[in-house]
Structures are given as structure tokens and as C-alpha cells.
Amino acid sequence: MRFTGKLIAGAVLFSALASAQNDGGKPAWKKLEFLLGKWTGIAGEKETPLGAGQGGFSYELQLNQKIIVRHNYAGYDSGARHDDLMVIYLDAPKETPRAIYFDSEGHTIRYNLAFPAPDTVVFESDGTQPGPKYRLSQWLDKGTLHGKFEVAAPGSEYQTYLSFTAKRS
């Protein structure tokens, strides 16, 4: 009887793991596969408040494909530099994709993710947090990744803060 119980428990665990993993062990990451890899980005002079800039970022599966980590840096012709880190994870119990973001300026942003079209993701800050709202949209078009970061002061509409394009490195 003990052996049968362990066998059933093992089968249940295997079934749960198998259902949580699809497409080669990438749970729910299918919609974000277009982001995976290393990217080199460029922002024109009128696309950021700091002027023209260039940088790079990567999206990598880590921790046995349980999270995606983005490392990002940008240097601007004005001499300013920006670094940030984002961790994308599946929030239990519904495995809802979410992200948390940290940057060199001291910001921490908690994001909900939406997928309005194929090869498109929108990271939108949790509206329950006080202060401004943030939205980062990224979409792939003919091998070029486009991005737009927007900010909305409390009670107002989103305004584009910066936009960029990137190519795989």
C-alpha cells in the first residue's frame, strides 16, 4: 500500500510538472520567445529626453527556465548612463506572467504583462501602487525589435518618455 501511494504521488507530481511545461520545457514563455537573446539598441536624438543614445540588453531564461531575466544598459551622448534589471516570472497559483524591475536611479516597478498580438508584449505597472503609472511596449517587426516606454502621472494619460529600435547582436 505504501508503494502504491508513492507511485500515485509520483504520477501526480510528474503530471503537474508536465502540464506546467510546454514547448520543450518552457512554461508559458512561448509568447515571449521573440525577446530571448541579446540585442543592440539605438535611440535617436528626439526619441529620449537625454538625447541620442545606444545600448544593449538581453533576455535570458534562468533558474531552470523558471524566470526570464533582462539586463539592460544605455549610454547617451549627453554623458548620462542608465542600467536596469527586470525579472519576469509566473505568479502562482494561476501562473500569471508578471515582472519586477529595478534600475540605477532607484526605481522599482511591478508589472503585469499582456500580449495584444503575436510577437508583442506590454508591461504595464500595477495600478494599485501609488504614484505614476508606467508602460513598456515591445514588438518585433521584420527582425527589428521596437520599444516604447510611457509614463502617466496620476489621473492623466500616458505620454511617451522614450522609444527605441534594436537588432539581435
N, C-alpha and C. Protein backbone atom coordinates (compact mmCIF):
# COMPACT_ATOMS: atom_id res chain seq x y z
N MET A 1 0.82 -1.19 0.00
CA MET A 1 0.00 0.00 0.00
C MET A 1 0.87 1.26 0.00
N ARG A 2 1.96 1.24 0.71
CA ARG A 2 2.84 2.40 0.75
C ARG A 2 3.47 2.64 -0.62
N PHE A 3 3.85 1.57 -1.29
CA PHE A 3 4.44 1.69 -2.62
C PHE A 3 3.44 2.29 -3.60
N THR A 4 2.18 1.83 -3.55
CA THR A 4 1.14 2.34 -4.44
C THR A 4 0.91 3.83 -4.20
N GLY A 5 0.91 4.24 -2.95
CA GLY A 5 0.74 5.65 -2.60
C GLY A 5 1.86 6.50 -3.16
N LYS A 6 3.11 5.99 -3.05
CA LYS A 6 4.26 6.73 -3.59
C LYS A 6 4.18 6.78 -5.11
N LEU A 7 3.74 5.69 -5.71
CA LEU A 7 3.62 5.65 -7.16
C LEU A 7 2.57 6.65 -7.63
N ILE A 8 1.45 6.72 -6.96
CA ILE A 8 0.40 7.68 -7.31
C ILE A 8 0.90 9.11 -7.09
N ALA A 9 1.56 9.34 -5.97
CA ALA A 9 2.10 10.68 -5.70
C ALA A 9 3.12 11.06 -6.77
N GLY A 10 3.96 10.13 -7.16
CA GLY A 10 4.94 10.38 -8.22
C GLY A 10 4.26 10.69 -9.54
N ALA A 11 3.20 9.96 -9.87
CA ALA A 11 2.47 10.19 -11.12
C ALA A 11 1.81 11.57 -11.10
N VAL A 12 1.25 11.95 -9.96
CA VAL A 12 0.61 13.26 -9.84
C VAL A 12 1.66 14.37 -10.00
N LEU A 13 2.82 14.21 -9.36
CA LEU A 13 3.88 15.19 -9.47
C LEU A 13 4.36 15.30 -10.91
N PHE A 14 4.59 14.15 -11.56
CA PHE A 14 5.04 14.16 -12.96
C PHE A 14 4.00 14.84 -13.84
N SER A 15 2.73 14.53 -13.62
CA SER A 15 1.66 15.14 -14.41
C SER A 15 1.63 16.65 -14.22
N ALA A 16 1.80 17.10 -12.98
CA ALA A 16 1.80 18.54 -12.70
C ALA A 16 2.97 19.22 -13.38
N LEU A 17 4.15 18.59 -13.33
CA LEU A 17 5.32 19.16 -13.97
C LEU A 17 5.14 19.19 -15.48
N ALA A 18 4.61 18.12 -16.04
CA ALA A 18 4.42 18.05 -17.48
C ALA A 18 3.42 19.10 -17.95
N SER A 19 2.36 19.34 -17.19
CA SER A 19 1.38 20.33 -17.62
C SER A 19 1.92 21.75 -17.47
N ALA A 20 2.84 21.95 -16.55
CA ALA A 20 3.43 23.28 -16.36
C ALA A 20 4.47 23.58 -17.43
N GLN A 21 4.93 22.55 -18.14
CA GLN A 21 5.94 22.75 -19.16
C GLN A 21 5.35 22.41 -20.52
N ASN A 22 5.55 23.32 -21.45
CA ASN A 22 5.17 23.04 -22.81
C ASN A 22 6.27 23.53 -23.72
N ASP A 23 6.27 23.10 -24.94
CA ASP A 23 7.26 23.53 -25.90
C ASP A 23 8.68 23.36 -25.38
N GLY A 24 9.06 22.14 -25.07
CA GLY A 24 10.43 21.86 -24.68
C GLY A 24 10.80 22.36 -23.31
N GLY A 25 9.86 22.41 -22.39
CA GLY A 25 10.20 22.80 -21.03
C GLY A 25 10.16 24.29 -20.80
N LYS A 26 9.58 25.06 -21.68
CA LYS A 26 9.49 26.50 -21.49
C LYS A 26 8.07 26.85 -21.07
N PRO A 27 7.79 26.81 -19.77
CA PRO A 27 6.43 27.06 -19.31
C PRO A 27 5.99 28.49 -19.63
N ALA A 28 4.93 28.60 -20.37
CA ALA A 28 4.29 29.88 -20.68
C ALA A 28 5.23 30.91 -21.32
N TRP A 29 6.42 30.54 -21.67
CA TRP A 29 7.35 31.50 -22.25
C TRP A 29 7.19 31.60 -23.77
N LYS A 30 6.34 30.79 -24.34
CA LYS A 30 6.15 30.78 -25.79
C LYS A 30 5.88 32.19 -26.31
N LYS A 31 5.03 32.94 -25.64
CA LYS A 31 4.68 34.28 -26.09
C LYS A 31 5.82 35.28 -25.97
N LEU A 32 6.86 34.93 -25.20
CA LEU A 32 8.00 35.83 -25.01
C LEU A 32 9.25 35.36 -25.74
N GLU A 33 9.17 34.25 -26.46
CA GLU A 33 10.35 33.72 -27.14
C GLU A 33 10.97 34.73 -28.10
N PHE A 34 10.16 35.59 -28.70
CA PHE A 34 10.69 36.57 -29.65
C PHE A 34 11.67 37.54 -29.00
N LEU A 35 11.62 37.69 -27.67
CA LEU A 35 12.52 38.59 -26.96
C LEU A 35 13.85 37.93 -26.58
N LEU A 36 13.87 36.61 -26.49
CA LEU A 36 15.05 35.92 -25.97
C LEU A 36 16.28 36.18 -26.84
N GLY A 37 17.39 36.43 -26.17
CA GLY A 37 18.66 36.67 -26.86
C GLY A 37 19.25 38.00 -26.47
N LYS A 38 20.29 38.37 -27.21
CA LYS A 38 21.00 39.63 -26.96
C LYS A 38 20.66 40.62 -28.06
N TRP A 39 20.48 41.87 -27.66
CA TRP A 39 20.03 42.92 -28.56
C TRP A 39 20.93 44.15 -28.44
N THR A 40 21.09 44.86 -29.55
CA THR A 40 21.78 46.15 -29.57
C THR A 40 20.75 47.19 -29.98
N GLY A 41 20.64 48.22 -29.17
CA GLY A 41 19.60 49.21 -29.40
C GLY A 41 20.14 50.59 -29.73
N ILE A 42 19.30 51.36 -30.42
CA ILE A 42 19.63 52.74 -30.78
C ILE A 42 18.39 53.59 -30.55
N ALA A 43 18.60 54.75 -29.97
CA ALA A 43 17.52 55.72 -29.80
C ALA A 43 17.99 57.04 -30.41
N GLY A 44 17.18 57.61 -31.27
CA GLY A 44 17.53 58.88 -31.91
C GLY A 44 17.45 60.04 -30.95
N GLU A 45 17.99 61.16 -31.38
CA GLU A 45 18.07 62.36 -30.54
C GLU A 45 16.71 62.80 -30.01
N LYS A 46 15.66 62.67 -30.82
CA LYS A 46 14.33 63.13 -30.41
C LYS A 46 13.53 62.02 -29.74
N GLU A 47 14.12 60.85 -29.56
CA GLU A 47 13.38 59.72 -29.01
C GLU A 47 13.53 59.58 -27.49
N THR A 48 14.44 60.35 -26.88
CA THR A 48 14.62 60.29 -25.43
C THR A 48 14.84 61.70 -24.88
N PRO A 49 14.52 61.91 -23.61
CA PRO A 49 14.79 63.23 -23.02
C PRO A 49 16.28 63.48 -22.80
N LEU A 50 17.11 62.45 -22.88
CA LEU A 50 18.55 62.60 -22.66
C LEU A 50 19.31 62.74 -23.98
N GLY A 51 18.60 62.78 -25.09
CA GLY A 51 19.24 62.88 -26.39
C GLY A 51 19.50 61.51 -26.98
N ALA A 52 20.27 61.49 -28.06
CA ALA A 52 20.57 60.23 -28.75
C ALA A 52 21.32 59.30 -27.82
N GLY A 53 21.10 58.01 -28.02
CA GLY A 53 21.78 57.04 -27.17
C GLY A 53 21.89 55.70 -27.84
N GLN A 54 22.67 54.85 -27.24
CA GLN A 54 22.83 53.48 -27.70
C GLN A 54 23.06 52.60 -26.48
N GLY A 55 22.78 51.33 -26.67
CA GLY A 55 22.94 50.42 -25.54
C GLY A 55 22.69 49.00 -25.97
N GLY A 56 22.45 48.18 -25.01
CA GLY A 56 22.19 46.78 -25.28
C GLY A 56 21.43 46.15 -24.14
N PHE A 57 20.79 45.06 -24.46
CA PHE A 57 20.06 44.33 -23.43
C PHE A 57 19.95 42.88 -23.85
N SER A 58 19.63 42.06 -22.87
CA SER A 58 19.43 40.63 -23.14
C SER A 58 18.23 40.15 -22.34
N TYR A 59 17.55 39.17 -22.91
CA TYR A 59 16.50 38.44 -22.22
C TYR A 59 16.96 36.98 -22.20
N GLU A 60 17.14 36.41 -21.01
CA GLU A 60 17.65 35.05 -20.88
C GLU A 60 16.83 34.24 -19.91
N LEU A 61 16.53 33.00 -20.31
CA LEU A 61 15.90 32.06 -19.39
C LEU A 61 16.92 31.68 -18.32
N GLN A 62 16.50 31.67 -17.06
CA GLN A 62 17.40 31.30 -15.96
C GLN A 62 16.63 30.48 -14.93
N LEU A 63 17.35 29.96 -13.96
CA LEU A 63 16.79 29.15 -12.88
C LEU A 63 15.95 27.99 -13.44
N ASN A 64 16.60 27.19 -14.28
CA ASN A 64 15.94 26.02 -14.88
C ASN A 64 14.68 26.42 -15.66
N GLN A 65 14.79 27.54 -16.38
CA GLN A 65 13.72 28.08 -17.24
C GLN A 65 12.48 28.51 -16.46
N LYS A 66 12.65 28.85 -15.19
CA LYS A 66 11.53 29.29 -14.36
C LYS A 66 11.31 30.80 -14.44
N ILE A 67 12.36 31.55 -14.83
CA ILE A 67 12.25 33.00 -14.95
C ILE A 67 12.99 33.45 -16.21
N ILE A 68 12.67 34.65 -16.65
CA ILE A 68 13.43 35.33 -17.70
C ILE A 68 14.01 36.58 -17.06
N VAL A 69 15.31 36.79 -17.28
CA VAL A 69 15.99 37.96 -16.71
C VAL A 69 16.43 38.87 -17.85
N ARG A 70 16.10 40.14 -17.71
CA ARG A 70 16.57 41.14 -18.67
C ARG A 70 17.60 42.01 -17.99
N HIS A 71 18.78 42.12 -18.61
CA HIS A 71 19.81 43.07 -18.21
C HIS A 71 19.84 44.14 -19.29
N ASN A 72 19.86 45.41 -18.92
CA ASN A 72 19.81 46.49 -19.89
C ASN A 72 20.77 47.60 -19.47
N TYR A 73 21.42 48.22 -20.47
CA TYR A 73 22.21 49.42 -20.21
C TYR A 73 22.01 50.36 -21.40
N ALA A 74 22.10 51.64 -21.13
CA ALA A 74 22.01 52.64 -22.18
C ALA A 74 22.97 53.78 -21.84
N GLY A 75 23.73 54.20 -22.83
CA GLY A 75 24.59 55.37 -22.70
C GLY A 75 24.10 56.43 -23.67
N TYR A 76 24.12 57.67 -23.23
CA TYR A 76 23.58 58.76 -24.05
C TYR A 76 24.69 59.74 -24.40
N ASP A 77 24.52 60.40 -25.54
CA ASP A 77 25.50 61.39 -25.99
C ASP A 77 25.68 62.50 -24.97
N SER A 78 24.68 62.73 -24.12
CA SER A 78 24.75 63.74 -23.07
C SER A 78 25.69 63.34 -21.94
N GLY A 79 26.14 62.07 -21.95
CA GLY A 79 27.01 61.56 -20.89
C GLY A 79 26.28 60.75 -19.84
N ALA A 80 24.96 60.77 -19.86
CA ALA A 80 24.17 60.02 -18.88
C ALA A 80 24.24 58.52 -19.19
N ARG A 81 24.08 57.71 -18.16
CA ARG A 81 24.05 56.25 -18.31
C ARG A 81 22.90 55.71 -17.47
N HIS A 82 22.26 54.68 -17.97
CA HIS A 82 21.14 54.04 -17.29
C HIS A 82 21.36 52.53 -17.33
N ASP A 83 21.18 51.87 -16.19
CA ASP A 83 21.26 50.41 -16.09
C ASP A 83 20.00 49.91 -15.40
N ASP A 84 19.48 48.76 -15.85
CA ASP A 84 18.35 48.19 -15.14
C ASP A 84 18.33 46.68 -15.26
N LEU A 85 17.51 46.09 -14.41
CA LEU A 85 17.34 44.65 -14.32
C LEU A 85 15.86 44.36 -14.19
N MET A 86 15.36 43.41 -14.96
CA MET A 86 13.96 43.00 -14.85
C MET A 86 13.91 41.49 -14.74
N VAL A 87 13.07 41.00 -13.85
CA VAL A 87 12.85 39.56 -13.70
C VAL A 87 11.39 39.30 -14.04
N ILE A 88 11.17 38.42 -15.03
CA ILE A 88 9.83 38.02 -15.44
C ILE A 88 9.57 36.64 -14.85
N TYR A 89 8.43 36.47 -14.22
CA TYR A 89 8.13 35.22 -13.53
C TYR A 89 6.66 34.88 -13.69
N LEU A 90 6.31 33.66 -13.33
CA LEU A 90 4.92 33.21 -13.36
C LEU A 90 4.40 33.23 -11.94
N ASP A 91 3.40 34.05 -11.70
CA ASP A 91 2.85 34.24 -10.36
C ASP A 91 1.82 33.15 -10.06
N ALA A 92 2.07 32.41 -8.99
CA ALA A 92 1.16 31.33 -8.57
C ALA A 92 -0.10 31.95 -7.98
N PRO A 93 -1.21 31.32 -7.97
CA PRO A 93 -1.43 29.94 -8.40
C PRO A 93 -1.83 29.81 -9.87
N LYS A 94 -2.15 30.93 -10.55
CA LYS A 94 -2.64 30.83 -11.92
C LYS A 94 -1.54 30.93 -12.97
N GLU A 95 -0.27 31.03 -12.53
CA GLU A 95 0.86 31.14 -13.45
C GLU A 95 0.74 32.37 -14.34
N THR A 96 0.24 33.46 -13.78
CA THR A 96 0.09 34.72 -14.49
C THR A 96 1.48 35.34 -14.68
N PRO A 97 1.85 35.71 -15.92
CA PRO A 97 3.16 36.32 -16.10
C PRO A 97 3.19 37.74 -15.53
N ARG A 98 4.22 37.99 -14.76
CA ARG A 98 4.44 39.30 -14.13
C ARG A 98 5.93 39.60 -14.20
N ALA A 99 6.28 40.84 -13.86
CA ALA A 99 7.70 41.22 -13.84
C ALA A 99 7.93 42.21 -12.72
N ILE A 100 9.18 42.25 -12.28
CA ILE A 100 9.62 43.29 -11.34
C ILE A 100 10.90 43.89 -11.90
N TYR A 101 10.99 45.20 -11.82
CA TYR A 101 12.04 45.98 -12.47
C TYR A 101 12.76 46.82 -11.43
N PHE A 102 14.09 46.91 -11.58
CA PHE A 102 14.93 47.75 -10.72
C PHE A 102 15.89 48.52 -11.63
N ASP A 103 16.18 49.78 -11.29
CA ASP A 103 17.16 50.50 -12.10
C ASP A 103 18.15 51.28 -11.25
N SER A 104 19.16 51.82 -11.93
CA SER A 104 20.25 52.54 -11.26
C SER A 104 19.81 53.89 -10.71
N GLU A 105 18.59 54.30 -10.99
CA GLU A 105 18.06 55.55 -10.46
C GLU A 105 17.20 55.32 -9.22
N GLY A 106 17.09 54.05 -8.80
CA GLY A 106 16.34 53.74 -7.59
C GLY A 106 14.88 53.37 -7.80
N HIS A 107 14.44 53.23 -9.03
CA HIS A 107 13.05 52.85 -9.30
C HIS A 107 12.84 51.34 -9.12
N THR A 108 11.70 51.00 -8.60
CA THR A 108 11.22 49.61 -8.57
C THR A 108 9.81 49.64 -9.13
N ILE A 109 9.57 48.83 -10.17
CA ILE A 109 8.25 48.82 -10.81
C ILE A 109 7.78 47.37 -10.89
N ARG A 110 6.56 47.14 -10.46
CA ARG A 110 5.92 45.82 -10.60
C ARG A 110 5.00 45.87 -11.81
N TYR A 111 5.21 44.93 -12.73
CA TYR A 111 4.47 44.94 -13.99
C TYR A 111 3.54 43.75 -14.12
N ASN A 112 2.40 43.98 -14.75
CA ASN A 112 1.54 42.93 -15.28
C ASN A 112 1.84 42.86 -16.77
N LEU A 113 1.74 41.68 -17.37
CA LEU A 113 2.04 41.51 -18.78
C LEU A 113 0.77 41.22 -19.57
N ALA A 114 0.73 41.76 -20.79
CA ALA A 114 -0.36 41.49 -21.73
C ALA A 114 0.26 41.21 -23.10
N PHE A 115 -0.44 40.42 -23.89
CA PHE A 115 0.05 40.02 -25.20
C PHE A 115 -1.04 40.35 -26.24
N PRO A 116 -1.12 41.63 -26.68
CA PRO A 116 -2.20 42.03 -27.57
C PRO A 116 -2.12 41.49 -28.99
N ALA A 117 -0.93 41.02 -29.40
CA ALA A 117 -0.75 40.48 -30.75
C ALA A 117 0.46 39.55 -30.72
N PRO A 118 0.62 38.70 -31.73
CA PRO A 118 1.81 37.85 -31.78
C PRO A 118 3.09 38.71 -31.79
N ASP A 119 4.14 38.23 -31.14
CA ASP A 119 5.43 38.92 -31.06
C ASP A 119 5.29 40.34 -30.50
N THR A 120 4.38 40.49 -29.56
CA THR A 120 4.14 41.77 -28.91
C THR A 120 3.90 41.53 -27.43
N VAL A 121 4.52 42.35 -26.58
CA VAL A 121 4.26 42.27 -25.15
C VAL A 121 4.15 43.69 -24.59
N VAL A 122 3.23 43.86 -23.66
CA VAL A 122 3.07 45.13 -22.97
C VAL A 122 3.23 44.87 -21.48
N PHE A 123 4.21 45.55 -20.89
CA PHE A 123 4.45 45.51 -19.46
C PHE A 123 3.78 46.77 -18.90
N GLU A 124 2.76 46.60 -18.06
CA GLU A 124 2.07 47.76 -17.50
C GLU A 124 2.14 47.69 -15.99
N SER A 125 2.52 48.83 -15.38
CA SER A 125 2.68 48.82 -13.92
C SER A 125 1.35 48.55 -13.24
N ASP A 126 1.48 47.96 -12.07
CA ASP A 126 0.32 47.62 -11.25
C ASP A 126 -0.35 48.91 -10.80
N GLY A 127 -1.59 49.12 -11.24
CA GLY A 127 -2.32 50.36 -10.93
C GLY A 127 -2.65 50.56 -9.47
N THR A 128 -2.44 49.55 -8.64
CA THR A 128 -2.74 49.71 -7.21
C THR A 128 -1.60 50.41 -6.47
N GLN A 129 -0.45 50.56 -7.12
CA GLN A 129 0.69 51.22 -6.48
C GLN A 129 0.52 52.74 -6.58
N PRO A 130 0.93 53.49 -5.54
CA PRO A 130 0.82 54.95 -5.62
C PRO A 130 1.83 55.52 -6.62
N GLY A 131 1.56 56.73 -7.08
CA GLY A 131 2.49 57.41 -7.97
C GLY A 131 2.17 57.21 -9.44
N PRO A 132 3.12 57.56 -10.30
CA PRO A 132 2.87 57.45 -11.74
C PRO A 132 2.71 56.00 -12.18
N LYS A 133 2.09 55.83 -13.36
CA LYS A 133 1.97 54.52 -13.97
C LYS A 133 2.99 54.44 -15.09
N TYR A 134 3.45 53.23 -15.38
CA TYR A 134 4.45 53.01 -16.41
C TYR A 134 3.99 51.92 -17.36
N ARG A 135 4.37 52.07 -18.63
CA ARG A 135 4.04 51.05 -19.63
C ARG A 135 5.21 50.92 -20.60
N LEU A 136 5.70 49.69 -20.73
CA LEU A 136 6.76 49.36 -21.68
C LEU A 136 6.16 48.41 -22.71
N SER A 137 6.14 48.84 -23.97
CA SER A 137 5.62 48.01 -25.06
C SER A 137 6.78 47.62 -25.95
N GLN A 138 6.81 46.34 -26.36
CA GLN A 138 7.84 45.86 -27.27
C GLN A 138 7.19 44.97 -28.30
N TRP A 139 7.61 45.13 -29.57
CA TRP A 139 7.05 44.31 -30.64
C TRP A 139 8.12 44.09 -31.69
N LEU A 140 8.07 42.91 -32.28
CA LEU A 140 9.03 42.51 -33.31
C LEU A 140 8.37 42.69 -34.67
N ASP A 141 9.07 43.38 -35.57
CA ASP A 141 8.56 43.60 -36.92
C ASP A 141 9.71 43.42 -37.90
N LYS A 142 9.65 42.37 -38.71
CA LYS A 142 10.65 42.09 -39.74
C LYS A 142 12.07 42.07 -39.17
N GLY A 143 12.26 41.42 -38.03
CA GLY A 143 13.58 41.27 -37.44
C GLY A 143 14.05 42.43 -36.59
N THR A 144 13.31 43.50 -36.54
CA THR A 144 13.66 44.66 -35.71
C THR A 144 12.72 44.70 -34.52
N LEU A 145 13.30 44.84 -33.34
CA LEU A 145 12.50 44.98 -32.12
C LEU A 145 12.28 46.46 -31.87
N HIS A 146 11.03 46.85 -31.74
CA HIS A 146 10.66 48.23 -31.45
C HIS A 146 10.20 48.30 -30.00
N GLY A 147 10.48 49.42 -29.37
CA GLY A 147 10.05 49.59 -27.99
C GLY A 147 9.65 51.01 -27.70
N LYS A 148 8.73 51.12 -26.74
CA LYS A 148 8.27 52.44 -26.31
C LYS A 148 8.03 52.36 -24.81
N PHE A 149 8.57 53.33 -24.06
CA PHE A 149 8.35 53.42 -22.63
C PHE A 149 7.52 54.67 -22.38
N GLU A 150 6.40 54.50 -21.67
CA GLU A 150 5.48 55.60 -21.43
C GLU A 150 5.25 55.78 -19.93
N VAL A 151 4.95 57.02 -19.56
CA VAL A 151 4.69 57.37 -18.16
C VAL A 151 3.38 58.16 -18.09
N ALA A 152 2.58 57.89 -17.06
CA ALA A 152 1.35 58.64 -16.83
C ALA A 152 1.34 59.13 -15.39
N ALA A 153 1.30 60.42 -15.22
CA ALA A 153 1.14 60.99 -13.88
C ALA A 153 -0.24 60.58 -13.37
N PRO A 154 -0.43 60.53 -12.04
CA PRO A 154 -1.75 60.16 -11.52
C PRO A 154 -2.87 61.00 -12.16
N GLY A 155 -3.89 60.31 -12.66
CA GLY A 155 -5.04 60.98 -13.26
C GLY A 155 -4.84 61.48 -14.67
N SER A 156 -3.71 61.16 -15.30
CA SER A 156 -3.51 61.64 -16.67
C SER A 156 -3.21 60.48 -17.62
N GLU A 157 -3.15 60.79 -18.90
CA GLU A 157 -2.91 59.80 -19.95
C GLU A 157 -1.41 59.51 -20.07
N TYR A 158 -1.10 58.35 -20.66
CA TYR A 158 0.30 58.00 -20.92
C TYR A 158 0.92 58.97 -21.92
N GLN A 159 2.18 59.33 -21.65
CA GLN A 159 2.99 60.13 -22.56
C GLN A 159 4.26 59.35 -22.84
N THR A 160 4.70 59.34 -24.10
CA THR A 160 5.92 58.62 -24.46
C THR A 160 7.13 59.31 -23.82
N TYR A 161 7.90 58.55 -23.06
CA TYR A 161 9.12 59.05 -22.44
C TYR A 161 10.31 58.78 -23.36
N LEU A 162 10.36 57.56 -23.92
CA LEU A 162 11.40 57.24 -24.89
C LEU A 162 10.94 56.10 -25.79
N SER A 163 11.55 56.04 -26.96
CA SER A 163 11.31 54.93 -27.88
C SER A 163 12.65 54.48 -28.42
N PHE A 164 12.69 53.26 -28.94
CA PHE A 164 13.95 52.70 -29.42
C PHE A 164 13.68 51.60 -30.45
N THR A 165 14.73 51.25 -31.16
CA THR A 165 14.73 50.07 -32.01
C THR A 165 15.97 49.27 -31.66
N ALA A 166 15.90 47.96 -31.89
CA ALA A 166 17.03 47.09 -31.56
C ALA A 166 17.11 45.95 -32.58
N LYS A 167 18.33 45.49 -32.78
CA LYS A 167 18.61 44.33 -33.64
C LYS A 167 19.32 43.28 -32.79
N ARG A 168 19.12 42.01 -33.14
CA ARG A 168 19.82 40.94 -32.43
C ARG A 168 21.31 41.10 -32.62
N SER A 169 22.04 40.91 -31.52
CA SER A 169 23.51 41.02 -31.56
C SER A 169 24.11 39.74 -32.10
